């Protein structure tokens, strides 16, 4: 804001002298007042100064707002350190206000969203094998992020980086592809329930899986394998025998009962 003072001003038409006060109000708009005497100008200046002080006290950040700014700065620094661009504070506040206006609740934390999803799948009575696969995949997926961050803050670029890190870390392409599929199901489930605004996995690229050449073991190799299984894990021999001689798939073998 401009400094408050009065200046003499002579009307070019009448030649009369006035005292002019030029300043900016609390919104930044420029105001100009003209007075017939310096006393009137000084009185107006005093009124404006009082209003400025009052506005300044009202506009001062309280302890809660200062704390919120500290939290935001810590978050922005973590995003910068991780190589991600954080949205501006203004954009984040505007998006939050828009959600509140729309009656939406805040997006759940990523870790809590995962837990809600798994509980829902348990209620659907999915197979234990499938449940275990989902738990394992989502545990690894969430480990590449902060489990406390809002699930809705993840972007396609964030998920792409996580998938690339999995591959770089030595995880097989098929395993990465499976994790991506389950993560996609997680966010689609959340999207269908209005918990997030978008599914960040949809536009990510699934890793290319190259199928290796299928080989055939010889009778002597199978004999040695079954002997080893009989010695190390006898209860597995029926499954291996049916697998080898009947051509069942692994999932079918897992569902068989040998009583």
C-alpha atoms as a PDB file:
ATOM      1  CA  UNK A   1       0.000   0.000   0.000  1.00  0.00           C
ATOM      2  CA  UNK A   2       1.124   3.547  -0.721  1.00  0.00           C
ATOM      3  CA  UNK A   3       2.261   5.823   2.099  1.00  0.00           C
ATOM      4  CA  UNK A   4      -0.395   8.113   3.493  1.00  0.00           C
ATOM      5  CA  UNK A   5       0.220  11.814   3.045  1.00  0.00           C
ATOM      6  CA  UNK A   6      -1.497  14.905   1.710  1.00  0.00           C
ATOM      7  CA  UNK A   7      -0.262  17.085  -1.074  1.00  0.00           C
ATOM      8  CA  UNK A   8      -1.289  20.494  -2.242  1.00  0.00           C
ATOM      9  CA  UNK A   9      -3.121  20.522  -5.508  1.00  0.00           C
ATOM     10  CA  UNK A  10      -4.167  23.569  -7.459  1.00  0.00           C
ATOM     11  CA  UNK A  11      -7.235  23.358  -9.617  1.00  0.00           C
ATOM     12  CA  UNK A  12      -6.078  24.568 -13.055  1.00  0.00           C
ATOM     13  CA  UNK A  13      -9.522  25.998 -13.856  1.00  0.00           C
ATOM     14  CA  UNK A  14     -10.337  27.915 -10.696  1.00  0.00           C
ATOM     15  CA  UNK A  15      -6.857  28.364  -9.270  1.00  0.00           C
ATOM     16  CA  UNK A  16      -8.111  27.260  -5.868  1.00  0.00           C
ATOM     17  CA  UNK A  17      -5.727  25.173  -3.702  1.00  0.00           C
ATOM     18  CA  UNK A  18      -6.821  21.829  -2.284  1.00  0.00           C
ATOM     19  CA  UNK A  19      -5.180  19.031  -0.324  1.00  0.00           C
ATOM     20  CA  UNK A  20      -5.256  15.670  -2.050  1.00  0.00           C
ATOM     21  CA  UNK A  21      -4.820  12.252  -0.362  1.00  0.00           C
ATOM     22  CA  UNK A  22      -4.029   9.300  -2.603  1.00  0.00           C
ATOM     23  CA  UNK A  23      -3.902   5.735  -1.186  1.00  0.00           C
ATOM     24  CA  UNK A  24      -4.902   2.107  -1.784  1.00  0.00           C
ATOM     25  CA  UNK A  25      -7.692   0.461   0.164  1.00  0.00           C
ATOM     26  CA  UNK A  26      -7.550  -3.082   1.657  1.00  0.00           C
ATOM     27  CA  UNK A  27      -8.483  -4.617  -1.694  1.00  0.00           C
ATOM     28  CA  UNK A  28      -5.673  -2.785  -3.522  1.00  0.00           C
ATOM     29  CA  UNK A  29      -7.954  -0.329  -5.306  1.00  0.00           C
ATOM     30  CA  UNK A  30      -6.544   3.196  -5.596  1.00  0.00           C
ATOM     31  CA  UNK A  31      -8.579   5.953  -3.921  1.00  0.00           C
ATOM     32  CA  UNK A  32      -8.165   9.712  -4.276  1.00  0.00           C
ATOM     33  CA  UNK A  33      -9.792  12.239  -1.915  1.00  0.00           C
ATOM     34  CA  UNK A  34      -9.630  16.017  -2.153  1.00  0.00           C
ATOM     35  CA  UNK A  35     -10.110  18.320   0.865  1.00  0.00           C
ATOM     36  CA  UNK A  36     -10.423  22.036   1.280  1.00  0.00           C
ATOM     37  CA  UNK A  37      -8.139  22.304   4.318  1.00  0.00           C
ATOM     38  CA  UNK A  38      -5.050  20.406   5.514  1.00  0.00           C
ATOM     39  CA  UNK A  39      -6.882  19.628   8.771  1.00  0.00           C
ATOM     40  CA  UNK A  40      -9.598  17.765   6.890  1.00  0.00           C
ATOM     41  CA  UNK A  41      -6.964  15.874   4.914  1.00  0.00           C
ATOM     42  CA  UNK A  42      -5.108  14.899   8.109  1.00  0.00           C
ATOM     43  CA  UNK A  43      -8.348  13.742   9.699  1.00  0.00           C
ATOM     44  CA  UNK A  44      -9.026  11.477   6.711  1.00  0.00           C
ATOM     45  CA  UNK A  45      -5.488  10.112   6.880  1.00  0.00           C
ATOM     46  CA  UNK A  46      -6.033   9.203  10.532  1.00  0.00           C
ATOM     47  CA  UNK A  47      -9.252   7.361   9.661  1.00  0.00           C
ATOM     48  CA  UNK A  48      -7.536   5.405   6.888  1.00  0.00           C
ATOM     49  CA  UNK A  49      -4.633   4.444   9.162  1.00  0.00           C
ATOM     50  CA  UNK A  50      -7.025   3.109  11.793  1.00  0.00           C
ATOM     51  CA  UNK A  51      -8.814   1.068   9.131  1.00  0.00           C
ATOM     52  CA  UNK A  52      -5.481  -0.301   7.905  1.00  0.00           C
ATOM     53  CA  UNK A  53      -4.467  -1.370  11.391  1.00  0.00           C
ATOM     54  CA  UNK A  54      -7.809  -3.027  11.968  1.00  0.00           C
ATOM     55  CA  UNK A  55      -7.663  -4.809   8.613  1.00  0.00           C
ATOM     56  CA  UNK A  56      -4.071  -5.863   9.275  1.00  0.00           C
ATOM     57  CA  UNK A  57      -4.990  -7.479  12.582  1.00  0.00           C
ATOM     58  CA  UNK A  58      -7.927  -9.269  10.991  1.00  0.00           C
ATOM     59  CA  UNK A  59      -5.797 -10.476   8.078  1.00  0.00           C
ATOM     60  CA  UNK A  60      -2.955 -11.738  10.268  1.00  0.00           C
ATOM     61  CA  UNK A  61      -2.550 -15.528  10.160  1.00  0.00           C
ATOM     62  CA  UNK A  62      -3.514 -17.342  13.341  1.00  0.00           C
ATOM     63  CA  UNK A  63      -1.640 -20.317  14.816  1.00  0.00           C
ATOM     64  CA  UNK A  64      -3.772 -22.882  12.974  1.00  0.00           C
ATOM     65  CA  UNK A  65      -3.139 -21.197   9.618  1.00  0.00           C
ATOM     66  CA  UNK A  66       0.590 -20.955  10.320  1.00  0.00           C
ATOM     67  CA  UNK A  67       0.615 -24.666  11.171  1.00  0.00           C
ATOM     68  CA  UNK A  68      -1.250 -25.474   7.942  1.00  0.00           C
ATOM     69  CA  UNK A  69       1.326 -23.523   5.933  1.00  0.00           C
ATOM     70  CA  UNK A  70       4.131 -25.521   7.584  1.00  0.00           C
ATOM     71  CA  UNK A  71       2.406 -28.786   6.671  1.00  0.00           C
ATOM     72  CA  UNK A  72       2.006 -27.612   3.069  1.00  0.00           C
ATOM     73  CA  UNK A  73       5.650 -26.580   2.771  1.00  0.00           C
ATOM     74  CA  UNK A  74       6.795 -29.957   4.123  1.00  0.00           C
ATOM     75  CA  UNK A  75       4.570 -31.748   1.605  1.00  0.00           C
ATOM     76  CA  UNK A  76       5.807 -29.585  -1.293  1.00  0.00           C
ATOM     77  CA  UNK A  77       9.436 -30.238  -0.299  1.00  0.00           C
ATOM     78  CA  UNK A  78       8.837 -34.011  -0.171  1.00  0.00           C
ATOM     79  CA  UNK A  79       7.259 -33.900  -3.631  1.00  0.00           C
ATOM     80  CA  UNK A  80      10.231 -31.925  -4.954  1.00  0.00           C
ATOM     81  CA  UNK A  81      12.689 -34.372  -3.389  1.00  0.00           C
ATOM     82  CA  UNK A  82      10.803 -37.305  -4.942  1.00  0.00           C
ATOM     83  CA  UNK A  83      10.996 -35.665  -8.360  1.00  0.00           C
ATOM     84  CA  UNK A  84       7.296 -34.799  -8.524  1.00  0.00           C
ATOM     85  CA  UNK A  85       5.732 -31.409  -9.108  1.00  0.00           C
ATOM     86  CA  UNK A  86       3.407 -30.345  -6.294  1.00  0.00           C
ATOM     87  CA  UNK A  87       0.342 -28.296  -7.237  1.00  0.00           C
ATOM     88  CA  UNK A  88       0.370 -24.697  -6.052  1.00  0.00           C
ATOM     89  CA  UNK A  89      -1.084 -23.956  -2.626  1.00  0.00           C
ATOM     90  CA  UNK A  90      -3.734 -21.796  -4.277  1.00  0.00           C
ATOM     91  CA  UNK A  91      -4.809 -24.638  -6.610  1.00  0.00           C
ATOM     92  CA  UNK A  92      -4.911 -27.131  -3.743  1.00  0.00           C
ATOM     93  CA  UNK A  93      -7.061 -24.810  -1.633  1.00  0.00           C
ATOM     94  CA  UNK A  94      -9.357 -24.065  -4.551  1.00  0.00           C
ATOM     95  CA  UNK A  95      -9.794 -27.796  -5.311  1.00  0.00           C
ATOM     96  CA  UNK A  96     -10.567 -28.552  -1.661  1.00  0.00           C
ATOM     97  CA  UNK A  97     -13.126 -25.760  -1.477  1.00  0.00           C
ATOM     98  CA  UNK A  98     -14.774 -26.977  -4.681  1.00  0.00           C
ATOM     99  CA  UNK A  99     -15.056 -30.492  -3.225  1.00  0.00           C
ATOM    100  CA  UNK A 100     -16.637 -29.068  -0.079  1.00  0.00           C
ATOM    101  CA  UNK A 101     -19.088 -27.074  -2.177  1.00  0.00           C
ATOM    102  CA  UNK A 102     -19.983 -30.186  -4.124  1.00  0.00           C
ATOM    103  CA  UNK A 103     -20.613 -32.060  -0.882  1.00  0.00           C
ATOM    104  CA  UNK A 104     -17.727 -34.452  -1.453  1.00  0.00           C
ATOM    105  CA  UNK A 105     -15.738 -35.787   1.457  1.00  0.00           C
ATOM    106  CA  UNK A 106     -11.951 -35.626   1.499  1.00  0.00           C
ATOM    107  CA  UNK A 107     -10.269 -38.503  -0.377  1.00  0.00           C
ATOM    108  CA  UNK A 108      -9.119 -41.252   1.993  1.00  0.00           C
ATOM    109  CA  UNK A 109      -5.455 -41.886   2.605  1.00  0.00           C
ATOM    110  CA  UNK A 110      -3.880 -44.384   0.225  1.00  0.00           C
ATOM    111  CA  UNK A 111      -3.264 -46.959   2.964  1.00  0.00           C
ATOM    112  CA  UNK A 112      -6.824 -46.664   4.273  1.00  0.00           C
ATOM    113  CA  UNK A 113      -8.255 -46.944   0.767  1.00  0.00           C
ATOM    114  CA  UNK A 114      -6.344 -50.186   0.277  1.00  0.00           C
ATOM    115  CA  UNK A 115      -7.699 -51.554   3.571  1.00  0.00           C
ATOM    116  CA  UNK A 116     -11.287 -50.575   2.659  1.00  0.00           C
ATOM    117  CA  UNK A 117     -10.916 -52.261  -0.718  1.00  0.00           C
ATOM    118  CA  UNK A 118      -9.615 -55.506   0.778  1.00  0.00           C
ATOM    119  CA  UNK A 119     -12.389 -55.571   3.375  1.00  0.00           C
ATOM    120  CA  UNK A 120     -14.945 -55.131   0.588  1.00  0.00           C
ATOM    121  CA  UNK A 121     -13.419 -58.026  -1.331  1.00  0.00           C
ATOM    122  CA  UNK A 122     -13.534 -60.193   1.786  1.00  0.00           C
ATOM    123  CA  UNK A 123     -17.222 -59.370   2.114  1.00  0.00           C
ATOM    124  CA  UNK A 124     -17.648 -60.507  -1.494  1.00  0.00           C
ATOM    125  CA  UNK A 125     -16.111 -63.831  -0.402  1.00  0.00           C
ATOM    126  CA  UNK A 126     -13.401 -63.963  -3.033  1.00  0.00           C
ATOM    127  CA  UNK A 127     -11.178 -67.030  -2.895  1.00  0.00           C
ATOM    128  CA  UNK A 128      -8.405 -67.095  -0.313  1.00  0.00           C
ATOM    129  CA  UNK A 129      -5.839 -67.430  -3.075  1.00  0.00           C
ATOM    130  CA  UNK A 130      -7.145 -64.333  -4.857  1.00  0.00           C
ATOM    131  CA  UNK A 131      -7.368 -62.420  -1.590  1.00  0.00           C
ATOM    132  CA  UNK A 132      -3.758 -63.279  -0.788  1.00  0.00           C
ATOM    133  CA  UNK A 133      -2.655 -62.178  -4.266  1.00  0.00           C
ATOM    134  CA  UNK A 134      -4.435 -58.823  -3.867  1.00  0.00           C
ATOM    135  CA  UNK A 135      -2.936 -58.218  -0.404  1.00  0.00           C
ATOM    136  CA  UNK A 136       0.562 -59.009  -1.633  1.00  0.00           C
ATOM    137  CA  UNK A 137       0.249 -56.871  -4.777  1.00  0.00           C
ATOM    138  CA  UNK A 138      -1.227 -53.841  -3.002  1.00  0.00           C
ATOM    139  CA  UNK A 139       1.313 -54.043  -0.199  1.00  0.00           C
ATOM    140  CA  UNK A 140       4.095 -53.744  -2.747  1.00  0.00           C
ATOM    141  CA  UNK A 141       2.256 -51.052  -4.737  1.00  0.00           C
ATOM    142  CA  UNK A 142       1.604 -48.820  -1.695  1.00  0.00           C
ATOM    143  CA  UNK A 143       5.232 -49.216  -0.567  1.00  0.00           C
ATOM    144  CA  UNK A 144       6.298 -46.978  -3.469  1.00  0.00           C
ATOM    145  CA  UNK A 145       4.240 -44.089  -2.048  1.00  0.00           C
ATOM    146  CA  UNK A 146       3.373 -42.552   1.294  1.00  0.00           C
ATOM    147  CA  UNK A 147       0.499 -44.564   2.758  1.00  0.00           C
ATOM    148  CA  UNK A 148      -0.728 -41.401   4.524  1.00  0.00           C
ATOM    149  CA  UNK A 149      -1.045 -39.258   1.390  1.00  0.00           C
ATOM    150  CA  UNK A 150      -4.513 -38.728  -0.119  1.00  0.00           C
ATOM    151  CA  UNK A 151      -5.303 -41.442  -2.634  1.00  0.00           C
ATOM    152  CA  UNK A 152      -6.672 -38.821  -4.999  1.00  0.00           C
ATOM    153  CA  UNK A 153      -3.294 -37.070  -5.227  1.00  0.00           C
ATOM    154  CA  UNK A 154      -1.658 -39.878  -7.219  1.00  0.00           C
ATOM    155  CA  UNK A 155      -1.145 -39.108 -10.886  1.00  0.00           C
ATOM    156  CA  UNK A 156      -0.538 -41.272 -13.934  1.00  0.00           C
ATOM    157  CA  UNK A 157       3.091 -40.133 -13.922  1.00  0.00           C
ATOM    158  CA  UNK A 158       3.458 -41.219 -10.273  1.00  0.00           C
ATOM    159  CA  UNK A 159       2.156 -44.710 -11.035  1.00  0.00           C
ATOM    160  CA  UNK A 160       4.327 -44.989 -14.160  1.00  0.00           C
ATOM    161  CA  UNK A 161       7.405 -44.191 -12.056  1.00  0.00           C
ATOM    162  CA  UNK A 162       6.437 -46.811  -9.477  1.00  0.00           C
ATOM    163  CA  UNK A 163       5.961 -49.499 -12.148  1.00  0.00           C
ATOM    164  CA  UNK A 164       9.291 -48.581 -13.725  1.00  0.00           C
ATOM    165  CA  UNK A 165      10.971 -48.832 -10.320  1.00  0.00           C
ATOM    166  CA  UNK A 166       9.521 -52.305  -9.838  1.00  0.00           C
ATOM    167  CA  UNK A 167      10.968 -53.436 -13.163  1.00  0.00           C
ATOM    168  CA  UNK A 168      14.318 -51.778 -12.448  1.00  0.00           C
ATOM    169  CA  UNK A 169      14.375 -53.539  -9.089  1.00  0.00           C
ATOM    170  CA  UNK A 170      14.296 -56.930 -10.789  1.00  0.00           C
ATOM    171  CA  UNK A 171      10.595 -57.790 -10.524  1.00  0.00           C
ATOM    172  CA  UNK A 172       9.426 -59.931 -13.438  1.00  0.00           C
ATOM    173  CA  UNK A 173       7.346 -58.118 -16.094  1.00  0.00           C
ATOM    174  CA  UNK A 174       4.418 -60.479 -15.522  1.00  0.00           C
ATOM    175  CA  UNK A 175       4.484 -59.708 -11.793  1.00  0.00           C
ATOM    176  CA  UNK A 176       4.544 -55.959 -12.481  1.00  0.00           C
ATOM    177  CA  UNK A 177       1.654 -56.406 -14.901  1.00  0.00           C
ATOM    178  CA  UNK A 178      -0.348 -58.264 -12.247  1.00  0.00           C
ATOM    179  CA  UNK A 179       0.319 -55.539  -9.656  1.00  0.00           C
ATOM    180  CA  UNK A 180      -0.788 -52.897 -12.150  1.00  0.00           C
ATOM    181  CA  UNK A 181      -4.040 -54.783 -12.826  1.00  0.00           C
ATOM    182  CA  UNK A 182      -4.884 -55.056  -9.124  1.00  0.00           C
ATOM    183  CA  UNK A 183      -3.989 -51.383  -8.508  1.00  0.00           C
ATOM    184  CA  UNK A 184      -6.287 -50.473 -11.396  1.00  0.00           C
ATOM    185  CA  UNK A 185      -9.098 -52.450  -9.738  1.00  0.00           C
ATOM    186  CA  UNK A 186      -8.424 -50.616  -6.466  1.00  0.00           C
ATOM    187  CA  UNK A 187      -8.788 -47.142  -7.979  1.00  0.00           C
ATOM    188  CA  UNK A 188     -11.695 -48.131 -10.201  1.00  0.00           C
ATOM    189  CA  UNK A 189     -13.493 -49.403  -7.113  1.00  0.00           C
ATOM    190  CA  UNK A 190     -12.777 -46.070  -5.386  1.00  0.00           C
ATOM    191  CA  UNK A 191     -13.838 -44.077  -8.451  1.00  0.00           C
ATOM    192  CA  UNK A 192     -17.165 -45.912  -8.685  1.00  0.00           C
ATOM    193  CA  UNK A 193     -17.866 -44.909  -5.077  1.00  0.00           C
ATOM    194  CA  UNK A 194     -16.860 -41.265  -5.441  1.00  0.00           C
ATOM    195  CA  UNK A 195     -13.800 -41.636  -3.212  1.00  0.00           C
ATOM    196  CA  UNK A 196     -11.403 -40.338  -5.886  1.00  0.00           C
ATOM    197  CA  UNK A 197     -11.914 -38.122  -8.914  1.00  0.00           C
ATOM    198  CA  UNK A 198      -9.967 -40.256 -11.416  1.00  0.00           C
ATOM    199  CA  UNK A 199      -8.196 -43.580 -11.867  1.00  0.00           C
ATOM    200  CA  UNK A 200      -4.467 -42.787 -12.263  1.00  0.00           C
ATOM    201  CA  UNK A 201      -3.659 -46.343 -13.401  1.00  0.00           C
ATOM    202  CA  UNK A 202      -5.885 -46.324 -16.485  1.00  0.00           C
ATOM    203  CA  UNK A 203      -3.431 -44.523 -18.755  1.00  0.00           C
ATOM    204  CA  UNK A 204      -0.265 -46.160 -17.464  1.00  0.00           C
ATOM    205  CA  UNK A 205       1.593 -48.561 -19.716  1.00  0.00           C
ATOM    206  CA  UNK A 206       1.592 -52.209 -18.767  1.00  0.00           C
ATOM    207  CA  UNK A 207       5.033 -53.834 -19.110  1.00  0.00           C
ATOM    208  CA  UNK A 208       5.561 -56.028 -22.138  1.00  0.00           C
ATOM    209  CA  UNK A 209       5.708 -59.710 -21.224  1.00  0.00           C
ATOM    210  CA  UNK A 210       7.782 -61.904 -23.505  1.00  0.00           C
ATOM    211  CA  UNK A 211       6.815 -65.541 -23.350  1.00  0.00           C
ATOM    212  CA  UNK A 212       9.779 -67.877 -23.181  1.00  0.00           C
ATOM    213  CA  UNK A 213      10.042 -71.111 -25.117  1.00  0.00           C
ATOM    214  CA  UNK A 214       8.064 -73.946 -23.550  1.00  0.00           C
ATOM    215  CA  UNK A 215      10.267 -76.925 -22.808  1.00  0.00           C
ATOM    216  CA  UNK A 216       9.520 -80.554 -22.026  1.00  0.00           C
ATOM    217  CA  UNK A 217      11.215 -82.468 -19.249  1.00  0.00           C
ATOM    218  CA  UNK A 218      12.370 -86.015 -19.855  1.00  0.00           C
ATOM    219  CA  UNK A 219      11.063 -89.076 -17.955  1.00  0.00           C
ATOM    220  CA  UNK A 220      14.325 -89.330 -16.007  1.00  0.00           C
ATOM    221  CA  UNK A 221      14.098 -85.623 -15.025  1.00  0.00           C
ATOM    222  CA  UNK A 222      10.526 -86.107 -13.824  1.00  0.00           C
ATOM    223  CA  UNK A 223      11.564 -89.220 -11.875  1.00  0.00           C
ATOM    224  CA  UNK A 224      14.345 -87.305 -10.137  1.00  0.00           C
ATOM    225  CA  UNK A 225      11.997 -84.410  -9.406  1.00  0.00           C
ATOM    226  CA  UNK A 226       9.361 -86.681  -7.810  1.00  0.00           C
ATOM    227  CA  UNK A 227      11.978 -88.500  -5.735  1.00  0.00           C
ATOM    228  CA  UNK A 228      13.239 -85.181  -4.401  1.00  0.00           C
ATOM    229  CA  UNK A 229       9.690 -84.081  -3.619  1.00  0.00           C
ATOM    230  CA  UNK A 230       9.024 -87.382  -1.837  1.00  0.00           C
ATOM    231  CA  UNK A 231      12.078 -86.813   0.335  1.00  0.00           C
ATOM    232  CA  UNK A 232      11.611 -83.082   1.030  1.00  0.00           C
ATOM    233  CA  UNK A 233       7.824 -82.562   0.963  1.00  0.00           C
ATOM    234  CA  UNK A 234       5.965 -85.904   0.682  1.00  0.00           C
ATOM    235  CA  UNK A 235       2.489 -84.353   0.805  1.00  0.00           C
ATOM    236  CA  UNK A 236       3.198 -82.508  -2.442  1.00  0.00           C
ATOM    237  CA  UNK A 237       3.827 -85.648  -4.524  1.00  0.00           C
ATOM    238  CA  UNK A 238       0.146 -86.333  -5.409  1.00  0.00           C
ATOM    239  CA  UNK A 239      -0.235 -82.790  -6.722  1.00  0.00           C
ATOM    240  CA  UNK A 240       2.963 -82.968  -8.775  1.00  0.00           C
ATOM    241  CA  UNK A 241       2.018 -86.379 -10.163  1.00  0.00           C
ATOM    242  CA  UNK A 242      -1.447 -85.250 -11.275  1.00  0.00           C
ATOM    243  CA  UNK A 243       0.084 -82.066 -12.679  1.00  0.00           C
ATOM    244  CA  UNK A 244       2.668 -83.989 -14.684  1.00  0.00           C
ATOM    245  CA  UNK A 245       0.485 -86.820 -16.038  1.00  0.00           C
ATOM    246  CA  UNK A 246      -2.937 -85.179 -16.370  1.00  0.00           C
ATOM    247  CA  UNK A 247      -2.015 -81.753 -17.752  1.00  0.00           C
ATOM    248  CA  UNK A 248      -4.101 -79.735 -15.296  1.00  0.00           C
ATOM    249  CA  UNK A 249      -3.440 -76.073 -14.754  1.00  0.00           C
ATOM    250  CA  UNK A 250      -1.815 -74.900 -11.543  1.00  0.00           C
ATOM    251  CA  UNK A 251      -5.025 -73.180 -10.373  1.00  0.00           C
ATOM    252  CA  UNK A 252      -6.955 -76.444 -10.906  1.00  0.00           C
ATOM    253  CA  UNK A 253      -4.347 -78.412  -8.978  1.00  0.00           C
ATOM    254  CA  UNK A 254      -4.615 -75.939  -6.071  1.00  0.00           C
ATOM    255  CA  UNK A 255      -8.364 -76.579  -5.818  1.00  0.00           C
ATOM    256  CA  UNK A 256      -8.129 -80.380  -5.687  1.00  0.00           C
ATOM    257  CA  UNK A 257      -8.670 -82.361  -2.492  1.00  0.00           C
ATOM    258  CA  UNK A 258      -6.805 -85.634  -1.929  1.00  0.00           C
ATOM    259  CA  UNK A 259      -8.753 -87.148   0.926  1.00  0.00           C
END
